[in-house]
Amino acid sequence: MFIVVEKSTGTERFFSLGSDFQRILSVADYQFGKGVGRLLFPRNVKIGYSKRTGRIRYVYLNGVRLVTMRPTDGLFSLSLNGAKRLACHRDRAKCFVTIKNDVTEFAAASGDVFAVHVVSADEEIRSSDEVIVVDDRKRVLAVGRAMLSSREMAAFKRGVAVKVRRGIREQSQIL
């Protein structure tokens, strides 16, 4: 077990990296599917803590942010890099929404996904879950929050299915 010492305004705060690592694995398993935590977070991740509260806030891999832990519910918000890591293990993670090809550019530019454009969605998706928007070739287009469950996405022909937080085109990356 490792102890991380962080100095802040003259006081020392101690964090047990072992228990914090287990916590992020458990949260990922709960949120995205059993066993996904180990796929998303290898042992060499760095955990960033809130300076104000001392709680887990960010998880980095090689200096790149994978997730942010939301303080309101203790669950993760995915970055595009975290979404790409999960996309490599699509069979294990249960958070994917596939959309029609004619709206991929709109979603990639951070446009919301409407129910009429959803081709398929993993059955486990509930309203307010963190989801990854992909095209029919399984390329990551965006990350966001589901506004509808997977059943509702399939049944509805109106309304926002996914509120996109960040699209791949927003970072000036080419698909």
Protein backbone atom coordinates (compact mmCIF):
# COMPACT_ATOMS: atom_id res chain seq x y z
CA MET A 1 0.00 0.00 0.00
CA PHE A 2 1.25 3.47 -0.86
CA ILE A 3 0.82 6.64 1.14
CA VAL A 4 0.56 9.88 -0.80
CA VAL A 5 1.54 12.98 1.15
CA GLU A 6 0.26 16.27 -0.16
CA LYS A 7 1.21 19.57 1.45
CA SER A 8 -1.37 22.29 1.36
CA THR A 9 -1.12 25.61 3.21
CA GLY A 10 1.28 24.18 5.76
CA THR A 11 -0.79 21.15 6.79
CA GLU A 12 -0.23 17.59 5.70
CA ARG A 13 -3.01 15.37 4.43
CA PHE A 14 -2.55 11.63 4.09
CA PHE A 15 -4.38 9.48 1.59
CA SER A 16 -4.23 5.74 1.27
CA LEU A 17 -3.76 5.14 -2.45
CA GLY A 18 -4.71 1.48 -2.04
CA SER A 19 -8.19 2.18 -0.67
CA ASP A 20 -8.75 5.07 -3.09
CA PHE A 21 -7.74 2.84 -6.01
CA GLN A 22 -10.22 0.21 -4.81
CA ARG A 23 -12.88 2.90 -4.57
CA ILE A 24 -12.47 4.10 -8.16
CA LEU A 25 -12.51 0.47 -9.36
CA SER A 26 -15.73 -0.17 -7.43
CA VAL A 27 -17.42 2.98 -8.72
CA ALA A 28 -16.50 2.12 -12.33
CA ASP A 29 -17.78 -1.44 -11.90
CA TYR A 30 -21.06 -0.18 -10.47
CA GLN A 31 -21.52 2.54 -13.07
CA PHE A 32 -20.33 0.85 -16.28
CA GLY A 33 -20.49 -2.90 -15.62
CA LYS A 34 -18.75 -5.59 -13.63
CA GLY A 35 -15.00 -5.78 -14.29
CA VAL A 36 -14.85 -2.48 -16.18
CA GLY A 37 -12.87 -0.74 -13.42
CA ARG A 38 -9.77 -2.84 -14.10
CA LEU A 39 -10.08 -2.18 -17.84
CA LEU A 40 -10.49 1.57 -17.41
CA PHE A 41 -7.91 2.09 -14.66
CA PRO A 42 -4.55 0.28 -14.79
CA ARG A 43 -2.43 0.31 -11.61
CA ASN A 44 -0.37 3.30 -12.77
CA VAL A 45 -3.22 5.84 -12.74
CA LYS A 46 -2.80 9.03 -10.74
CA ILE A 47 -5.63 10.19 -8.52
CA GLY A 48 -6.19 13.93 -8.10
CA TYR A 49 -7.84 15.22 -4.93
CA SER A 50 -9.91 18.28 -4.23
CA LYS A 51 -7.77 20.86 -2.46
CA ARG A 52 -10.76 22.02 -0.46
CA THR A 53 -12.31 18.74 0.66
CA GLY A 54 -9.52 16.20 0.15
CA ARG A 55 -11.85 13.86 -1.73
CA ILE A 56 -11.15 12.09 -5.02
CA ARG A 57 -11.81 14.45 -7.92
CA TYR A 58 -9.87 13.30 -11.03
CA VAL A 59 -8.20 10.17 -12.36
CA TYR A 60 -5.31 10.55 -14.82
CA LEU A 61 -3.37 8.10 -16.95
CA ASN A 62 -0.04 9.34 -18.33
CA GLY A 63 -1.06 12.94 -17.62
CA VAL A 64 -4.38 12.63 -19.46
CA ARG A 65 -7.67 12.88 -17.55
CA LEU A 66 -9.85 9.79 -17.86
CA VAL A 67 -12.70 10.69 -15.50
CA THR A 68 -13.93 13.27 -13.05
CA MET A 69 -15.73 12.14 -9.92
CA ARG A 70 -18.87 14.21 -9.48
CA PRO A 71 -19.18 15.54 -5.94
CA THR A 72 -22.98 15.45 -6.07
CA ASP A 73 -23.42 11.68 -6.47
CA GLY A 74 -19.91 10.17 -6.33
CA LEU A 75 -20.14 8.79 -9.88
CA PHE A 76 -17.86 9.46 -12.83
CA SER A 77 -18.13 11.87 -15.75
CA LEU A 78 -16.11 10.45 -18.61
CA SER A 79 -13.62 12.42 -20.66
CA LEU A 80 -13.27 11.54 -24.34
CA ASN A 81 -10.03 9.73 -23.50
CA GLY A 82 -11.83 7.64 -20.89
CA ALA A 83 -14.58 6.91 -23.42
CA LYS A 84 -12.01 5.71 -25.94
CA ARG A 85 -10.53 3.33 -23.36
CA LEU A 86 -13.99 1.92 -22.68
CA ALA A 87 -14.76 1.65 -26.40
CA CYS A 88 -11.92 -0.87 -26.69
CA HIS A 89 -13.93 -3.07 -24.31
CA ARG A 90 -17.41 -2.47 -25.69
CA ASP A 91 -18.50 -6.02 -24.89
CA ARG A 92 -17.91 -5.44 -21.14
CA ALA A 93 -19.05 -1.82 -20.67
CA LYS A 94 -22.78 -1.14 -20.77
CA CYS A 95 -22.99 2.54 -21.64
CA PHE A 96 -23.07 2.86 -25.44
CA VAL A 97 -25.60 4.62 -27.66
CA THR A 98 -25.26 4.07 -31.41
CA ILE A 99 -26.64 6.78 -33.69
CA LYS A 100 -27.46 7.12 -37.38
CA ASN A 101 -24.64 8.04 -39.74
CA ASP A 102 -26.34 11.19 -41.02
CA VAL A 103 -26.08 12.90 -37.59
CA THR A 104 -22.59 11.83 -36.56
CA GLU A 105 -21.04 15.22 -37.39
CA PHE A 106 -23.66 17.01 -35.30
CA ALA A 107 -22.99 14.79 -32.25
CA ALA A 108 -19.22 15.04 -32.76
CA ALA A 109 -19.56 18.83 -32.62
CA SER A 110 -21.26 18.53 -29.19
CA GLY A 111 -24.83 18.58 -30.48
CA ASP A 112 -27.44 16.73 -28.44
CA VAL A 113 -28.67 13.36 -29.72
CA PHE A 114 -32.40 13.07 -30.36
CA ALA A 115 -34.35 9.84 -29.84
CA VAL A 116 -35.28 9.59 -33.51
CA HIS A 117 -31.58 9.30 -34.40
CA VAL A 118 -30.77 6.46 -31.99
CA VAL A 119 -30.12 3.14 -33.74
CA SER A 120 -29.43 1.12 -30.58
CA ALA A 121 -28.61 1.57 -26.92
CA ASP A 122 -27.31 -0.85 -24.31
CA GLU A 123 -30.25 -2.31 -22.37
CA GLU A 124 -28.84 -1.31 -18.98
CA ILE A 125 -28.95 2.44 -19.72
CA ARG A 126 -31.25 4.43 -17.42
CA SER A 127 -32.15 8.07 -17.49
CA SER A 128 -29.28 10.24 -16.14
CA ASP A 129 -26.60 7.56 -16.77
CA GLU A 130 -23.24 8.53 -18.24
CA VAL A 131 -23.14 7.31 -21.86
CA ILE A 132 -20.80 7.16 -24.84
CA VAL A 133 -22.19 8.07 -28.27
CA VAL A 134 -20.75 6.01 -31.13
CA ASP A 135 -21.38 5.62 -34.87
CA ASP A 136 -22.17 2.35 -36.64
CA ARG A 137 -18.43 1.59 -36.93
CA LYS A 138 -18.14 1.90 -33.12
CA ARG A 139 -16.03 5.08 -33.23
CA VAL A 140 -16.45 7.37 -30.23
CA LEU A 141 -18.22 10.61 -31.17
CA ALA A 142 -19.20 12.15 -27.84
CA VAL A 143 -19.84 11.66 -24.14
CA GLY A 144 -22.86 12.84 -22.22
CA ARG A 145 -25.79 12.05 -19.99
CA ALA A 146 -28.77 9.93 -21.01
CA MET A 147 -32.06 11.80 -20.77
CA LEU A 148 -34.06 8.66 -21.54
CA SER A 149 -33.70 4.97 -20.72
CA SER A 150 -32.68 2.60 -23.51
CA ARG A 151 -36.31 1.45 -23.90
CA GLU A 152 -37.50 5.03 -24.20
CA MET A 153 -34.77 5.81 -26.74
CA ALA A 154 -36.08 2.96 -28.90
CA ALA A 155 -39.75 3.85 -28.47
CA PHE A 156 -39.76 7.65 -28.67
CA LYS A 157 -39.55 9.59 -31.91
CA ARG A 158 -39.17 13.00 -30.25
CA GLY A 159 -37.05 14.57 -27.58
CA VAL A 160 -33.44 14.57 -26.48
CA ALA A 161 -32.06 11.11 -25.80
CA VAL A 162 -28.52 12.17 -24.84
CA LYS A 163 -27.43 15.57 -23.55
CA VAL A 164 -23.93 15.73 -25.02
CA ARG A 165 -21.29 17.25 -22.76
CA ARG A 166 -18.31 16.98 -25.09
CA GLY A 167 -17.92 15.96 -28.70
CA ILE A 168 -14.79 14.75 -30.43
CA ARG A 169 -14.79 17.65 -32.91
CA GLU A 170 -14.70 20.09 -30.00
CA GLN A 171 -11.10 19.03 -29.38
CA SER A 172 -10.20 19.46 -33.06
CA GLN A 173 -9.53 15.77 -33.43
CA ILE A 174 -10.20 13.91 -36.64
CA LEU A 175 -12.26 10.74 -36.52
